[in-house]
Amino acid sequence: MDAGGAAVLASLWEVDDQSTLDLMKSFYKGLGELGPAASLAAAQRSMLDEKDLADPYQWAAFVVVGPGE
């Protein structure tokens, strides 16, 4: 954020690579239209529909720090 970024997407704990890949694909797909916070929330909700990835441990580690508008 010191370098001028408006928001940072951070992980609070180590998460499986495959679940992170799936979440990030969904996150970046909605980023331009929704903004960081809403895009992350939508991506996390979409993970609930994935049988192998529905456990929040797989995706709840990610948070947006900053305005996230």
N, C-alpha and C. Protein backbone atom coordinates (compact mmCIF):
# COMPACT_ATOMS: atom_id res chain seq x y z
N MET A 1 0.83 -1.17 0.00
CA MET A 1 0.00 0.00 0.00
C MET A 1 0.89 1.25 0.00
N ASP A 2 2.08 1.15 0.58
CA ASP A 2 3.00 2.28 0.54
C ASP A 2 3.43 2.61 -0.88
N ALA A 3 3.37 1.63 -1.76
CA ALA A 3 3.77 1.83 -3.15
C ALA A 3 2.65 2.42 -4.00
N GLY A 4 1.48 2.66 -3.40
CA GLY A 4 0.40 3.31 -4.13
C GLY A 4 -0.77 2.41 -4.46
N GLY A 5 -0.75 1.18 -4.04
CA GLY A 5 -1.88 0.29 -4.29
C GLY A 5 -3.09 0.72 -3.47
N ALA A 6 -4.26 0.67 -4.08
CA ALA A 6 -5.48 1.07 -3.37
C ALA A 6 -5.92 0.02 -2.37
N ALA A 7 -5.65 -1.23 -2.66
CA ALA A 7 -6.06 -2.33 -1.79
C ALA A 7 -5.11 -3.50 -1.99
N VAL A 8 -5.05 -4.36 -0.99
CA VAL A 8 -4.21 -5.55 -1.03
C VAL A 8 -5.07 -6.77 -0.73
N LEU A 9 -4.92 -7.81 -1.53
CA LEU A 9 -5.58 -9.08 -1.26
C LEU A 9 -4.56 -9.94 -0.53
N ALA A 10 -4.88 -10.34 0.69
CA ALA A 10 -3.92 -11.07 1.52
C ALA A 10 -4.52 -12.37 2.02
N SER A 11 -3.65 -13.31 2.32
CA SER A 11 -4.04 -14.58 2.90
C SER A 11 -3.63 -14.60 4.36
N LEU A 12 -4.52 -15.05 5.22
CA LEU A 12 -4.24 -15.09 6.65
C LEU A 12 -3.59 -16.40 7.09
N TRP A 13 -3.69 -17.43 6.27
CA TRP A 13 -3.03 -18.70 6.55
C TRP A 13 -2.75 -19.42 5.23
N GLU A 14 -1.91 -20.44 5.30
CA GLU A 14 -1.55 -21.21 4.12
C GLU A 14 -2.77 -21.98 3.62
N VAL A 15 -2.99 -21.91 2.31
CA VAL A 15 -4.15 -22.55 1.69
C VAL A 15 -3.68 -23.41 0.53
N ASP A 16 -4.41 -24.46 0.25
CA ASP A 16 -4.12 -25.37 -0.84
C ASP A 16 -4.01 -24.63 -2.18
N ASP A 17 -3.05 -25.04 -3.00
CA ASP A 17 -2.82 -24.38 -4.30
C ASP A 17 -4.03 -24.46 -5.22
N GLN A 18 -4.68 -25.60 -5.30
CA GLN A 18 -5.81 -25.76 -6.22
C GLN A 18 -6.99 -24.88 -5.82
N SER A 19 -7.30 -24.84 -4.53
CA SER A 19 -8.42 -24.00 -4.11
C SER A 19 -8.10 -22.52 -4.31
N THR A 20 -6.84 -22.14 -4.11
CA THR A 20 -6.43 -20.75 -4.36
C THR A 20 -6.55 -20.41 -5.83
N LEU A 21 -6.14 -21.32 -6.70
CA LEU A 21 -6.26 -21.09 -8.14
C LEU A 21 -7.72 -20.87 -8.54
N ASP A 22 -8.60 -21.73 -8.07
CA ASP A 22 -10.03 -21.61 -8.40
C ASP A 22 -10.61 -20.29 -7.88
N LEU A 23 -10.25 -19.93 -6.65
CA LEU A 23 -10.75 -18.69 -6.07
C LEU A 23 -10.23 -17.49 -6.84
N MET A 24 -8.95 -17.48 -7.19
CA MET A 24 -8.36 -16.33 -7.88
C MET A 24 -8.93 -16.16 -9.29
N LYS A 25 -9.21 -17.26 -9.97
CA LYS A 25 -9.84 -17.16 -11.30
C LYS A 25 -11.17 -16.44 -11.19
N SER A 26 -11.96 -16.84 -10.22
CA SER A 26 -13.27 -16.22 -10.01
C SER A 26 -13.12 -14.77 -9.54
N PHE A 27 -12.17 -14.52 -8.65
CA PHE A 27 -11.93 -13.16 -8.15
C PHE A 27 -11.58 -12.21 -9.29
N TYR A 28 -10.62 -12.57 -10.11
CA TYR A 28 -10.17 -11.68 -11.18
C TYR A 28 -11.22 -11.52 -12.27
N LYS A 29 -12.06 -12.52 -12.45
CA LYS A 29 -13.13 -12.41 -13.44
C LYS A 29 -14.09 -11.28 -13.08
N GLY A 30 -14.38 -11.08 -11.81
CA GLY A 30 -15.32 -10.06 -11.39
C GLY A 30 -14.69 -8.76 -10.92
N LEU A 31 -13.38 -8.69 -10.88
CA LEU A 31 -12.69 -7.55 -10.29
C LEU A 31 -13.03 -6.22 -10.96
N GLY A 32 -12.98 -6.17 -12.28
CA GLY A 32 -13.23 -4.91 -12.98
C GLY A 32 -14.64 -4.39 -12.79
N GLU A 33 -15.59 -5.28 -12.76
CA GLU A 33 -17.00 -4.89 -12.64
C GLU A 33 -17.40 -4.61 -11.20
N LEU A 34 -16.91 -5.42 -10.25
CA LEU A 34 -17.40 -5.35 -8.87
C LEU A 34 -16.47 -4.60 -7.91
N GLY A 35 -15.20 -4.53 -8.21
CA GLY A 35 -14.23 -3.98 -7.28
C GLY A 35 -13.69 -5.09 -6.39
N PRO A 36 -12.61 -4.83 -5.66
CA PRO A 36 -11.93 -5.89 -4.91
C PRO A 36 -12.77 -6.59 -3.84
N ALA A 37 -13.41 -5.84 -2.97
CA ALA A 37 -14.14 -6.47 -1.85
C ALA A 37 -15.33 -7.28 -2.35
N ALA A 38 -16.12 -6.70 -3.23
CA ALA A 38 -17.31 -7.41 -3.74
C ALA A 38 -16.92 -8.60 -4.60
N SER A 39 -15.84 -8.45 -5.37
CA SER A 39 -15.38 -9.56 -6.20
C SER A 39 -14.90 -10.72 -5.35
N LEU A 40 -14.18 -10.42 -4.27
CA LEU A 40 -13.72 -11.48 -3.37
C LEU A 40 -14.92 -12.16 -2.71
N ALA A 41 -15.88 -11.39 -2.25
CA ALA A 41 -17.07 -11.98 -1.61
C ALA A 41 -17.81 -12.89 -2.58
N ALA A 42 -17.98 -12.44 -3.83
CA ALA A 42 -18.67 -13.25 -4.83
C ALA A 42 -17.88 -14.53 -5.13
N ALA A 43 -16.57 -14.41 -5.23
CA ALA A 43 -15.73 -15.58 -5.50
C ALA A 43 -15.81 -16.57 -4.34
N GLN A 44 -15.80 -16.07 -3.12
CA GLN A 44 -15.90 -16.96 -1.96
C GLN A 44 -17.26 -17.65 -1.91
N ARG A 45 -18.32 -16.93 -2.22
CA ARG A 45 -19.64 -17.57 -2.24
C ARG A 45 -19.72 -18.63 -3.33
N SER A 46 -19.06 -18.39 -4.46
CA SER A 46 -19.09 -19.38 -5.54
C SER A 46 -18.39 -20.67 -5.14
N MET A 47 -17.44 -20.59 -4.22
CA MET A 47 -16.73 -21.79 -3.77
C MET A 47 -17.67 -22.73 -3.01
N LEU A 48 -18.73 -22.20 -2.44
CA LEU A 48 -19.68 -23.05 -1.71
C LEU A 48 -20.34 -24.07 -2.63
N ASP A 49 -20.38 -23.76 -3.93
CA ASP A 49 -21.00 -24.67 -4.90
C ASP A 49 -20.06 -25.77 -5.37
N GLU A 50 -18.78 -25.65 -5.03
CA GLU A 50 -17.78 -26.63 -5.45
C GLU A 50 -17.68 -27.73 -4.38
N LYS A 51 -18.07 -28.94 -4.73
CA LYS A 51 -18.13 -30.04 -3.76
C LYS A 51 -16.83 -30.21 -2.98
N ASP A 52 -15.70 -30.23 -3.67
CA ASP A 52 -14.42 -30.48 -3.01
C ASP A 52 -13.85 -29.25 -2.31
N LEU A 53 -14.41 -28.07 -2.59
CA LEU A 53 -13.84 -26.83 -2.07
C LEU A 53 -14.80 -26.04 -1.20
N ALA A 54 -15.91 -26.63 -0.82
CA ALA A 54 -16.94 -25.91 -0.07
C ALA A 54 -16.53 -25.59 1.37
N ASP A 55 -15.57 -26.31 1.90
CA ASP A 55 -15.11 -26.06 3.27
C ASP A 55 -14.47 -24.68 3.34
N PRO A 56 -14.95 -23.79 4.20
CA PRO A 56 -14.40 -22.44 4.29
C PRO A 56 -12.89 -22.39 4.54
N TYR A 57 -12.33 -23.41 5.13
CA TYR A 57 -10.88 -23.42 5.34
C TYR A 57 -10.14 -23.24 4.02
N GLN A 58 -10.74 -23.69 2.93
CA GLN A 58 -10.10 -23.64 1.62
C GLN A 58 -10.09 -22.24 1.01
N TRP A 59 -10.96 -21.34 1.45
CA TRP A 59 -11.05 -20.02 0.81
C TRP A 59 -11.26 -18.84 1.76
N ALA A 60 -11.57 -19.07 3.01
CA ALA A 60 -11.86 -17.98 3.94
C ALA A 60 -10.60 -17.24 4.43
N ALA A 61 -9.43 -17.73 4.07
CA ALA A 61 -8.19 -17.09 4.51
C ALA A 61 -7.95 -15.76 3.82
N PHE A 62 -8.64 -15.51 2.72
CA PHE A 62 -8.36 -14.32 1.91
C PHE A 62 -9.21 -13.13 2.35
N VAL A 63 -8.54 -11.98 2.47
CA VAL A 63 -9.21 -10.73 2.86
C VAL A 63 -8.67 -9.59 2.00
N VAL A 64 -9.50 -8.58 1.81
CA VAL A 64 -9.07 -7.35 1.13
C VAL A 64 -8.75 -6.32 2.22
N VAL A 65 -7.56 -5.76 2.14
CA VAL A 65 -7.13 -4.71 3.08
C VAL A 65 -7.07 -3.40 2.31
N GLY A 66 -7.74 -2.40 2.81
CA GLY A 66 -7.79 -1.12 2.11
C GLY A 66 -9.22 -0.80 1.74
N PRO A 67 -9.43 0.27 1.00
CA PRO A 67 -10.80 0.68 0.66
C PRO A 67 -11.61 -0.42 -0.01
N GLY A 68 -11.04 -1.13 -0.94
CA GLY A 68 -11.72 -2.26 -1.57
C GLY A 68 -13.02 -1.91 -2.24
N GLU A 69 -13.17 -0.71 -2.71
CA GLU A 69 -14.44 -0.28 -3.32
C GLU A 69 -14.60 -0.72 -4.73
